[in-house]
PDB file of N, CA and C in Angstrom:
ATOM      1  N   MET A   1      19.704   5.826  26.401  1.00  0.00           N
ATOM      2  CA  MET A   1      20.203   4.769  25.554  1.00  0.00           C
ATOM      3  C   MET A   1      19.028   4.180  24.761  1.00  0.00           C
ATOM      4  N   ASN A   2      19.263   3.902  23.492  1.00  0.00           N
ATOM      5  CA  ASN A   2      18.222   3.336  22.641  1.00  0.00           C
ATOM      6  C   ASN A   2      18.035   1.854  22.911  1.00  0.00           C
ATOM      7  N   ARG A   3      16.799   1.456  22.969  1.00  0.00           N
ATOM      8  CA  ARG A   3      16.488   0.045  23.183  1.00  0.00           C
ATOM      9  C   ARG A   3      16.568  -0.689  21.853  1.00  0.00           C
ATOM     10  N   ARG A   4      17.094  -1.881  21.858  1.00  0.00           N
ATOM     11  CA  ARG A   4      17.155  -2.726  20.661  1.00  0.00           C
ATOM     12  C   ARG A   4      15.974  -3.694  20.721  1.00  0.00           C
ATOM     13  N   TYR A   5      15.155  -3.676  19.691  1.00  0.00           N
ATOM     14  CA  TYR A   5      13.994  -4.553  19.634  1.00  0.00           C
ATOM     15  C   TYR A   5      14.328  -5.808  18.843  1.00  0.00           C
ATOM     16  N   ARG A   6      13.676  -6.870  19.184  1.00  0.00           N
ATOM     17  CA  ARG A   6      13.856  -8.130  18.465  1.00  0.00           C
ATOM     18  C   ARG A   6      12.949  -8.151  17.238  1.00  0.00           C
ATOM     19  N   ALA A   7      13.329  -8.946  16.268  1.00  0.00           N
ATOM     20  CA  ALA A   7      12.538  -9.076  15.043  1.00  0.00           C
ATOM     21  C   ALA A   7      11.120  -9.544  15.354  1.00  0.00           C
ATOM     22  N   LYS A   8      10.974 -10.429  16.321  1.00  0.00           N
ATOM     23  CA  LYS A   8       9.642 -10.939  16.689  1.00  0.00           C
ATOM     24  C   LYS A   8       8.747  -9.816  17.218  1.00  0.00           C
ATOM     25  N   GLU A   9       9.332  -8.870  17.957  1.00  0.00           N
ATOM     26  CA  GLU A   9       8.556  -7.724  18.465  1.00  0.00           C
ATOM     27  C   GLU A   9       8.063  -6.871  17.298  1.00  0.00           C
ATOM     28  N   ARG A  10       8.952  -6.639  16.353  1.00  0.00           N
ATOM     29  CA  ARG A  10       8.587  -5.837  15.177  1.00  0.00           C
ATOM     30  C   ARG A  10       7.492  -6.542  14.383  1.00  0.00           C
ATOM     31  N   GLU A  11       7.661  -7.827  14.131  1.00  0.00           N
ATOM     32  CA  GLU A  11       6.672  -8.582  13.364  1.00  0.00           C
ATOM     33  C   GLU A  11       5.312  -8.593  14.059  1.00  0.00           C
ATOM     34  N   ARG A  12       5.330  -8.758  15.368  1.00  0.00           N
ATOM     35  CA  ARG A  12       4.070  -8.785  16.130  1.00  0.00           C
ATOM     36  C   ARG A  12       3.333  -7.457  16.016  1.00  0.00           C
ATOM     37  N   LEU A  13       4.060  -6.356  16.148  1.00  0.00           N
ATOM     38  CA  LEU A  13       3.439  -5.037  16.065  1.00  0.00           C
ATOM     39  C   LEU A  13       2.893  -4.778  14.665  1.00  0.00           C
ATOM     40  N   VAL A  14       3.714  -5.012  13.653  1.00  0.00           N
ATOM     41  CA  VAL A  14       3.288  -4.748  12.271  1.00  0.00           C
ATOM     42  C   VAL A  14       2.085  -5.603  11.915  1.00  0.00           C
ATOM     43  N   GLU A  15       2.109  -6.860  12.280  1.00  0.00           N
ATOM     44  CA  GLU A  15       0.987  -7.744  11.986  1.00  0.00           C
ATOM     45  C   GLU A  15      -0.286  -7.264  12.668  1.00  0.00           C
ATOM     46  N   ALA A  16      -0.173  -6.848  13.924  1.00  0.00           N
ATOM     47  CA  ALA A  16      -1.351  -6.366  14.657  1.00  0.00           C
ATOM     48  C   ALA A  16      -1.946  -5.131  13.987  1.00  0.00           C
ATOM     49  N   VAL A  17      -1.098  -4.239  13.530  1.00  0.00           N
ATOM     50  CA  VAL A  17      -1.590  -3.013  12.893  1.00  0.00           C
ATOM     51  C   VAL A  17      -2.187  -3.306  11.526  1.00  0.00           C
ATOM     52  N   LEU A  18      -1.475  -4.058  10.694  1.00  0.00           N
ATOM     53  CA  LEU A  18      -1.937  -4.285   9.327  1.00  0.00           C
ATOM     54  C   LEU A  18      -3.143  -5.215   9.238  1.00  0.00           C
ATOM     55  N   LYS A  19      -3.210  -6.211  10.089  1.00  0.00           N
ATOM     56  CA  LYS A  19      -4.326  -7.157  10.003  1.00  0.00           C
ATOM     57  C   LYS A  19      -5.583  -6.662  10.695  1.00  0.00           C
ATOM     58  N   THR A  20      -5.434  -5.920  11.781  1.00  0.00           N
ATOM     59  CA  THR A  20      -6.620  -5.489  12.530  1.00  0.00           C
ATOM     60  C   THR A  20      -7.029  -4.058  12.222  1.00  0.00           C
ATOM     61  N   GLY A  21      -6.078  -3.278  11.691  1.00  0.00           N
ATOM     62  CA  GLY A  21      -6.375  -1.876  11.438  1.00  0.00           C
ATOM     63  C   GLY A  21      -6.333  -1.032  12.701  1.00  0.00           C
ATOM     64  N   ALA A  22      -5.815  -1.601  13.772  1.00  0.00           N
ATOM     65  CA  ALA A  22      -5.721  -0.871  15.038  1.00  0.00           C
ATOM     66  C   ALA A  22      -4.766   0.309  14.884  1.00  0.00           C
ATOM     67  N   PRO A  23      -5.005   1.379  15.623  1.00  0.00           N
ATOM     68  CA  PRO A  23      -4.105   2.531  15.557  1.00  0.00           C
ATOM     69  C   PRO A  23      -2.687   2.147  16.001  1.00  0.00           C
ATOM     70  N   ILE A  24      -1.710   2.636  15.269  1.00  0.00           N
ATOM     71  CA  ILE A  24      -0.309   2.320  15.559  1.00  0.00           C
ATOM     72  C   ILE A  24       0.040   2.704  16.987  1.00  0.00           C
ATOM     73  N   LYS A  25      -0.399   3.870  17.405  1.00  0.00           N
ATOM     74  CA  LYS A  25      -0.073   4.356  18.752  1.00  0.00           C
ATOM     75  C   LYS A  25      -0.575   3.394  19.824  1.00  0.00           C
ATOM     76  N   ASP A  26      -1.811   2.917  19.665  1.00  0.00           N
ATOM     77  CA  ASP A  26      -2.395   2.004  20.661  1.00  0.00           C
ATOM     78  C   ASP A  26      -1.618   0.690  20.741  1.00  0.00           C
ATOM     79  N   VAL A  27      -1.300   0.128  19.576  1.00  0.00           N
ATOM     80  CA  VAL A  27      -0.575  -1.143  19.552  1.00  0.00           C
ATOM     81  C   VAL A  27       0.818  -0.960  20.136  1.00  0.00           C
ATOM     82  N   ALA A  28       1.477   0.143  19.790  1.00  0.00           N
ATOM     83  CA  ALA A  28       2.820   0.414  20.310  1.00  0.00           C
ATOM     84  C   ALA A  28       2.804   0.496  21.831  1.00  0.00           C
ATOM     85  N   GLU A  29       1.833   1.208  22.370  1.00  0.00           N
ATOM     86  CA  GLU A  29       1.747   1.341  23.825  1.00  0.00           C
ATOM     87  C   GLU A  29       1.464  -0.009  24.487  1.00  0.00           C
ATOM     88  N   GLN A  30       0.609  -0.821  23.881  1.00  0.00           N
ATOM     89  CA  GLN A  30       0.294  -2.137  24.442  1.00  0.00           C
ATOM     90  C   GLN A  30       1.519  -3.041  24.475  1.00  0.00           C
ATOM     91  N   LEU A  31       2.362  -2.920  23.448  1.00  0.00           N
ATOM     92  CA  LEU A  31       3.522  -3.801  23.342  1.00  0.00           C
ATOM     93  C   LEU A  31       4.799  -3.197  23.924  1.00  0.00           C
ATOM     94  N   GLY A  32       4.715  -1.968  24.440  1.00  0.00           N
ATOM     95  CA  GLY A  32       5.883  -1.340  25.038  1.00  0.00           C
ATOM     96  C   GLY A  32       6.934  -0.902  24.040  1.00  0.00           C
ATOM     97  N   VAL A  33       6.484  -0.464  22.871  1.00  0.00           N
ATOM     98  CA  VAL A  33       7.382  -0.004  21.809  1.00  0.00           C
ATOM     99  C   VAL A  33       7.213   1.503  21.664  1.00  0.00           C
ATOM    100  N   LYS A  34       8.309   2.214  21.445  1.00  0.00           N
ATOM    101  CA  LYS A  34       8.208   3.653  21.221  1.00  0.00           C
ATOM    102  C   LYS A  34       7.317   3.909  20.009  1.00  0.00           C
ATOM    103  N   VAL A  35       6.451   4.909  20.117  1.00  0.00           N
ATOM    104  CA  VAL A  35       5.486   5.197  19.061  1.00  0.00           C
ATOM    105  C   VAL A  35       6.195   5.549  17.752  1.00  0.00           C
ATOM    106  N   ALA A  36       7.235   6.358  17.811  1.00  0.00           N
ATOM    107  CA  ALA A  36       7.963   6.740  16.595  1.00  0.00           C
ATOM    108  C   ALA A  36       8.561   5.513  15.915  1.00  0.00           C
ATOM    109  N   THR A  37       9.069   4.604  16.709  1.00  0.00           N
ATOM    110  CA  THR A  37       9.640   3.373  16.162  1.00  0.00           C
ATOM    111  C   THR A  37       8.547   2.540  15.490  1.00  0.00           C
ATOM    112  N   ALA A  38       7.397   2.467  16.113  1.00  0.00           N
ATOM    113  CA  ALA A  38       6.280   1.709  15.556  1.00  0.00           C
ATOM    114  C   ALA A  38       5.832   2.289  14.220  1.00  0.00           C
ATOM    115  N   TYR A  39       5.723   3.615  14.135  1.00  0.00           N
ATOM    116  CA  TYR A  39       5.337   4.248  12.868  1.00  0.00           C
ATOM    117  C   TYR A  39       6.358   3.922  11.779  1.00  0.00           C
ATOM    118  N   PHE A  40       7.625   3.933  12.120  1.00  0.00           N
ATOM    119  CA  PHE A  40       8.687   3.619  11.169  1.00  0.00           C
ATOM    120  C   PHE A  40       8.551   2.181  10.670  1.00  0.00           C
ATOM    121  N   TRP A  41       8.343   1.241  11.587  1.00  0.00           N
ATOM    122  CA  TRP A  41       8.203  -0.163  11.201  1.00  0.00           C
ATOM    123  C   TRP A  41       7.018  -0.375  10.265  1.00  0.00           C
ATOM    124  N   VAL A  42       5.889   0.231  10.600  1.00  0.00           N
ATOM    125  CA  VAL A  42       4.686   0.049   9.791  1.00  0.00           C
ATOM    126  C   VAL A  42       4.872   0.692   8.422  1.00  0.00           C
ATOM    127  N   LYS A  43       5.493   1.846   8.381  1.00  0.00           N
ATOM    128  CA  LYS A  43       5.748   2.518   7.100  1.00  0.00           C
ATOM    129  C   LYS A  43       6.601   1.626   6.201  1.00  0.00           C
ATOM    130  N   ARG A  44       7.662   1.066   6.751  1.00  0.00           N
ATOM    131  CA  ARG A  44       8.533   0.180   5.971  1.00  0.00           C
ATOM    132  C   ARG A  44       7.790  -1.063   5.503  1.00  0.00           C
ATOM    133  N   ALA A  45       6.958  -1.624   6.353  1.00  0.00           N
ATOM    134  CA  ALA A  45       6.196  -2.819   5.981  1.00  0.00           C
ATOM    135  C   ALA A  45       5.221  -2.503   4.847  1.00  0.00           C
ATOM    136  N   ARG A  46       4.578  -1.359   4.911  1.00  0.00           N
ATOM    137  CA  ARG A  46       3.633  -0.975   3.852  1.00  0.00           C
ATOM    138  C   ARG A  46       4.362  -0.740   2.539  1.00  0.00           C
ATOM    139  N   GLN A  47       5.545  -0.177   2.590  1.00  0.00           N
ATOM    140  CA  GLN A  47       6.316   0.056   1.367  1.00  0.00           C
ATOM    141  C   GLN A  47       6.706  -1.262   0.712  1.00  0.00           C
ATOM    142  N   LYS A  48       6.999  -2.255   1.507  1.00  0.00           N
ATOM    143  CA  LYS A  48       7.377  -3.562   0.967  1.00  0.00           C
ATOM    144  C   LYS A  48       6.194  -4.266   0.322  1.00  0.00           C
ATOM    145  N   GLN A  49       4.967  -3.924   0.711  1.00  0.00           N
ATOM    146  CA  GLN A  49       3.779  -4.565   0.163  1.00  0.00           C
ATOM    147  C   GLN A  49       3.359  -3.974  -1.173  1.00  0.00           C
ATOM    148  N   ARG A  50       3.882  -2.825  -1.511  1.00  0.00           N
ATOM    149  CA  ARG A  50       3.494  -2.183  -2.768  1.00  0.00           C
ATOM    150  C   ARG A  50       3.968  -3.008  -3.952  1.00  0.00           C
ATOM    151  N   PRO A  51       3.225  -2.972  -5.042  1.00  0.00           N
ATOM    152  CA  PRO A  51       3.707  -3.656  -6.239  1.00  0.00           C
ATOM    153  C   PRO A  51       4.985  -2.980  -6.719  1.00  0.00           C
ATOM    154  N   GLN A  52       5.837  -3.739  -7.326  1.00  0.00           N
ATOM    155  CA  GLN A  52       7.108  -3.204  -7.791  1.00  0.00           C
ATOM    156  C   GLN A  52       6.925  -2.252  -8.970  1.00  0.00           C
ATOM    157  N   PHE A  53       5.855  -2.442  -9.729  1.00  0.00           N
ATOM    158  CA  PHE A  53       5.626  -1.567 -10.875  1.00  0.00           C
ATOM    159  C   PHE A  53       4.162  -1.638 -11.288  1.00  0.00           C
ATOM    160  N   ALA A  54       3.764  -0.655 -12.030  1.00  0.00           N
ATOM    161  CA  ALA A  54       2.470  -0.675 -12.701  1.00  0.00           C
ATOM    162  C   ALA A  54       2.775  -0.508 -14.178  1.00  0.00           C
ATOM    163  N   MET A  55       2.330  -1.441 -14.993  1.00  0.00           N
ATOM    164  CA  MET A  55       2.624  -1.392 -16.416  1.00  0.00           C
ATOM    165  C   MET A  55       1.508  -0.657 -17.141  1.00  0.00           C
ATOM    166  N   VAL A  56       1.876   0.333 -17.930  1.00  0.00           N
ATOM    167  CA  VAL A  56       0.911   1.093 -18.712  1.00  0.00           C
ATOM    168  C   VAL A  56       1.194   0.802 -20.180  1.00  0.00           C
ATOM    169  N   VAL A  57       0.191   0.270 -20.877  1.00  0.00           N
ATOM    170  CA  VAL A  57       0.368  -0.118 -22.262  1.00  0.00           C
ATOM    171  C   VAL A  57      -0.690   0.578 -23.111  1.00  0.00           C
ATOM    172  N   PRO A  58      -0.276   1.486 -24.015  1.00  0.00           N
ATOM    173  CA  PRO A  58      -1.272   2.104 -24.891  1.00  0.00           C
ATOM    174  C   PRO A  58      -1.833   1.054 -25.853  1.00  0.00           C
ATOM    175  N   ALA A  59      -3.113   1.105 -26.088  1.00  0.00           N
ATOM    176  CA  ALA A  59      -3.746   0.154 -26.995  1.00  0.00           C
ATOM    177  C   ALA A  59      -4.858   0.857 -27.751  1.00  0.00           C
ATOM    178  N   THR A  60      -5.197   0.345 -28.913  1.00  0.00           N
ATOM    179  CA  THR A  60      -6.327   0.902 -29.656  1.00  0.00           C
ATOM    180  C   THR A  60      -7.294  -0.222 -29.968  1.00  0.00           C
ATOM    181  N   GLN A  61      -8.535   0.020 -29.721  1.00  0.00           N
ATOM    182  CA  GLN A  61      -9.600  -0.922 -30.037  1.00  0.00           C
ATOM    183  C   GLN A  61     -10.586  -0.189 -30.928  1.00  0.00           C
ATOM    184  N   ALA A  62     -10.720  -0.666 -32.149  1.00  0.00           N
ATOM    185  CA  ALA A  62     -11.581  -0.011 -33.132  1.00  0.00           C
ATOM    186  C   ALA A  62     -11.207   1.459 -33.223  1.00  0.00           C
ATOM    187  N   ARG A  63     -12.141   2.344 -32.936  1.00  0.00           N
ATOM    188  CA  ARG A  63     -11.864   3.780 -33.026  1.00  0.00           C
ATOM    189  C   ARG A  63     -11.686   4.422 -31.657  1.00  0.00           C
ATOM    190  N   VAL A  64     -11.713   3.638 -30.612  1.00  0.00           N
ATOM    191  CA  VAL A  64     -11.621   4.185 -29.265  1.00  0.00           C
ATOM    192  C   VAL A  64     -10.225   3.916 -28.706  1.00  0.00           C
ATOM    193  N   ALA A  65      -9.492   4.984 -28.385  1.00  0.00           N
ATOM    194  CA  ALA A  65      -8.174   4.823 -27.783  1.00  0.00           C
ATOM    195  C   ALA A  65      -8.351   4.430 -26.323  1.00  0.00           C
ATOM    196  N   THR A  66      -7.620   3.416 -25.884  1.00  0.00           N
ATOM    197  CA  THR A  66      -7.703   2.982 -24.500  1.00  0.00           C
ATOM    198  C   THR A  66      -6.300   2.889 -23.915  1.00  0.00           C
ATOM    199  N   LEU A  67      -6.261   2.847 -22.613  1.00  0.00           N
ATOM    200  CA  LEU A  67      -5.017   2.692 -21.881  1.00  0.00           C
ATOM    201  C   LEU A  67      -5.195   1.470 -20.992  1.00  0.00           C
ATOM    202  N   ARG A  68      -4.216   0.588 -21.010  1.00  0.00           N
ATOM    203  CA  ARG A  68      -4.277  -0.625 -20.190  1.00  0.00           C
ATOM    204  C   ARG A  68      -3.313  -0.448 -19.029  1.00  0.00           C
ATOM    205  N   VAL A  69      -3.831  -0.566 -17.795  1.00  0.00           N
ATOM    206  CA  VAL A  69      -3.015  -0.407 -16.592  1.00  0.00           C
ATOM    207  C   VAL A  69      -3.027  -1.736 -15.850  1.00  0.00           C
ATOM    208  N   GLU A  70      -1.834  -2.275 -15.585  1.00  0.00           N
ATOM    209  CA  GLU A  70      -1.708  -3.528 -14.839  1.00  0.00           C
ATOM    210  C   GLU A  70      -1.106  -3.210 -13.485  1.00  0.00           C
ATOM    211  N   VAL A  71      -1.816  -3.603 -12.422  1.00  0.00           N
ATOM    212  CA  VAL A  71      -1.314  -3.350 -11.068  1.00  0.00           C
ATOM    213  C   VAL A  71      -1.899  -4.377 -10.116  1.00  0.00           C
ATOM    214  N   GLY A  72      -1.068  -4.897  -9.252  1.00  0.00           N
ATOM    215  CA  GLY A  72      -1.530  -5.853  -8.244  1.00  0.00           C
ATOM    216  C   GLY A  72      -2.207  -7.073  -8.830  1.00  0.00           C
ATOM    217  N   GLY A  73      -1.808  -7.497 -10.025  1.00  0.00           N
ATOM    218  CA  GLY A  73      -2.403  -8.676 -10.648  1.00  0.00           C
ATOM    219  C   GLY A  73      -3.701  -8.404 -11.385  1.00  0.00           C
ATOM    220  N   ALA A  74      -4.145  -7.166 -11.406  1.00  0.00           N
ATOM    221  CA  ALA A  74      -5.391  -6.807 -12.095  1.00  0.00           C
ATOM    222  C   ALA A  74      -5.064  -5.973 -13.332  1.00  0.00           C
ATOM    223  N   VAL A  75      -5.968  -6.002 -14.297  1.00  0.00           N
ATOM    224  CA  VAL A  75      -5.833  -5.200 -15.511  1.00  0.00           C
ATOM    225  C   VAL A  75      -7.032  -4.267 -15.582  1.00  0.00           C
ATOM    226  N   VAL A  76      -6.749  -2.976 -15.767  1.00  0.00           N
ATOM    227  CA  VAL A  76      -7.799  -1.966 -15.881  1.00  0.00           C
ATOM    228  C   VAL A  76      -7.661  -1.305 -17.240  1.00  0.00           C
ATOM    229  N   HIS A  77      -8.752  -1.291 -18.019  1.00  0.00           N
ATOM    230  CA  HIS A  77      -8.758  -0.610 -19.314  1.00  0.00           C
ATOM    231  C   HIS A  77      -9.425   0.750 -19.119  1.00  0.00           C
ATOM    232  N   VAL A  78      -8.744   1.794 -19.531  1.00  0.00           N
ATOM    233  CA  VAL A  78      -9.220   3.153 -19.327  1.00  0.00           C
ATOM    234  C   VAL A  78      -9.407   3.814 -20.686  1.00  0.00           C
ATOM    235  N   GLU A  79     -10.577   4.402 -20.894  1.00  0.00           N
ATOM    236  CA  GLU A  79     -10.857   5.073 -22.158  1.00  0.00           C
ATOM    237  C   GLU A  79     -10.576   6.562 -22.061  1.00  0.00           C
ATOM    238  N   ARG A  80     -10.466   7.184 -23.204  1.00  0.00           N
ATOM    239  CA  ARG A  80     -10.228   8.617 -23.293  1.00  0.00           C
ATOM    240  C   ARG A  80     -11.257   9.381 -22.460  1.00  0.00           C
ATOM    241  N   GLY A  81     -10.788  10.430 -21.780  1.00  0.00           N
ATOM    242  CA  GLY A  81     -11.685  11.241 -20.966  1.00  0.00           C
ATOM    243  C   GLY A  81     -11.904  10.687 -19.563  1.00  0.00           C
ATOM    244  N   PHE A  82     -11.070   9.737 -19.133  1.00  0.00           N
ATOM    245  CA  PHE A  82     -11.230   9.124 -17.813  1.00  0.00           C
ATOM    246  C   PHE A  82     -10.980  10.140 -16.708  1.00  0.00           C
ATOM    247  N   ASP A  83     -11.473   9.815 -15.533  1.00  0.00           N
ATOM    248  CA  ASP A  83     -11.284  10.645 -14.341  1.00  0.00           C
ATOM    249  C   ASP A  83      -9.953  10.230 -13.692  1.00  0.00           C
ATOM    250  N   ALA A  84      -8.934  11.073 -13.795  1.00  0.00           N
ATOM    251  CA  ALA A  84      -7.590  10.745 -13.307  1.00  0.00           C
ATOM    252  C   ALA A  84      -7.578  10.468 -11.806  1.00  0.00           C
ATOM    253  N   GLU A  85      -8.354  11.213 -11.044  1.00  0.00           N
ATOM    254  CA  GLU A  85      -8.396  11.003  -9.597  1.00  0.00           C
ATOM    255  C   GLU A  85      -9.013   9.641  -9.263  1.00  0.00           C
ATOM    256  N   LEU A  86     -10.050   9.263  -9.984  1.00  0.00           N
ATOM    257  CA  LEU A  86     -10.670   7.961  -9.780  1.00  0.00           C
ATOM    258  C   LEU A  86      -9.688   6.843 -10.131  1.00  0.00           C
ATOM    259  N   LEU A  87      -8.968   7.003 -11.232  1.00  0.00           N
ATOM    260  CA  LEU A  87      -7.969   6.001 -11.613  1.00  0.00           C
ATOM    261  C   LEU A  87      -6.896   5.870 -10.535  1.00  0.00           C
ATOM    262  N   ARG A  88      -6.453   6.989  -9.986  1.00  0.00           N
ATOM    263  CA  ARG A  88      -5.450   6.971  -8.909  1.00  0.00           C
ATOM    264  C   ARG A  88      -5.990   6.192  -7.704  1.00  0.00           C
ATOM    265  N   ASP A  89      -7.264   6.405  -7.360  1.00  0.00           N
ATOM    266  CA  ASP A  89      -7.878   5.680  -6.235  1.00  0.00           C
ATOM    267  C   ASP A  89      -7.975   4.185  -6.520  1.00  0.00           C
ATOM    268  N   VAL A  90      -8.332   3.835  -7.761  1.00  0.00           N
ATOM    269  CA  VAL A  90      -8.444   2.426  -8.137  1.00  0.00           C
ATOM    270  C   VAL A  90      -7.081   1.745  -8.071  1.00  0.00           C
ATOM    271  N   VAL A  91      -6.052   2.383  -8.622  1.00  0.00           N
ATOM    272  CA  VAL A  91      -4.702   1.817  -8.586  1.00  0.00           C
ATOM    273  C   VAL A  91      -4.226   1.686  -7.140  1.00  0.00           C
ATOM    274  N   SER A  92      -4.509   2.688  -6.338  1.00  0.00           N
ATOM    275  CA  SER A  92      -4.136   2.632  -4.933  1.00  0.00           C
ATOM    276  C   SER A  92      -4.817   1.473  -4.215  1.00  0.00           C
ATOM    277  N   ALA A  93      -6.093   1.283  -4.473  1.00  0.00           N
ATOM    278  CA  ALA A  93      -6.833   0.188  -3.840  1.00  0.00           C
ATOM    279  C   ALA A  93      -6.316  -1.176  -4.307  1.00  0.00           C
ATOM    280  N   LEU A  94      -6.018  -1.293  -5.593  1.00  0.00           N
ATOM    281  CA  LEU A  94      -5.501  -2.560  -6.105  1.00  0.00           C
ATOM    282  C   LEU A  94      -4.115  -2.888  -5.572  1.00  0.00           C
ATOM    283  N   SER A  95      -3.342  -1.849  -5.272  1.00  0.00           N
ATOM    284  CA  SER A  95      -1.994  -2.097  -4.779  1.00  0.00           C
ATOM    285  C   SER A  95      -1.974  -2.251  -3.257  1.00  0.00           C
ATOM    286  N   GLY A  96      -3.125  -2.060  -2.610  1.00  0.00           N
ATOM    287  CA  GLY A  96      -3.226  -2.292  -1.176  1.00  0.00           C
ATOM    288  C   GLY A  96      -2.660  -1.194  -0.326  1.00  0.00           C
ATOM    289  N   ARG A  97      -2.664   0.023  -0.806  1.00  0.00           N
ATOM    290  CA  ARG A  97      -2.160   1.134   0.002  1.00  0.00           C
ATOM    291  C   ARG A  97      -3.131   2.284  -0.122  1.00  0.00           C
ATOM    292  N   SER A  98      -3.052   3.204   0.832  1.00  0.00           N
ATOM    293  CA  SER A  98      -3.965   4.361   0.804  1.00  0.00           C
ATOM    294  C   SER A  98      -3.448   5.402  -0.162  1.00  0.00           C
ATOM    295  N   ALA A  99      -4.370   6.181  -0.693  1.00  0.00           N
ATOM    296  CA  ALA A  99      -3.994   7.196  -1.683  1.00  0.00           C
ATOM    297  C   ALA A  99      -3.251   8.336  -1.084  1.00  0.00           C
TER     298      ALA A  99
END
């Protein structure tokens, strides 16, 4: 039979993982929560923390074409020839999630 967890148990586990960076498995075992359930809770919590959108606005400044990216309250101006992987890492860091 599946155990029903209380909201407080879920909040305690998610908070412990997200604030301390402790491994999900360790926190789940300490709190008596199934590991699979803990991974599910943390995944859902991380998805809720993501920004709802990233706005991309093409812009031109003088003769240099730039791209304006807004994410997580920050604005990043990207010039032609940018490193796409680096931009992905920057956007990921600004949105508070791993790449």
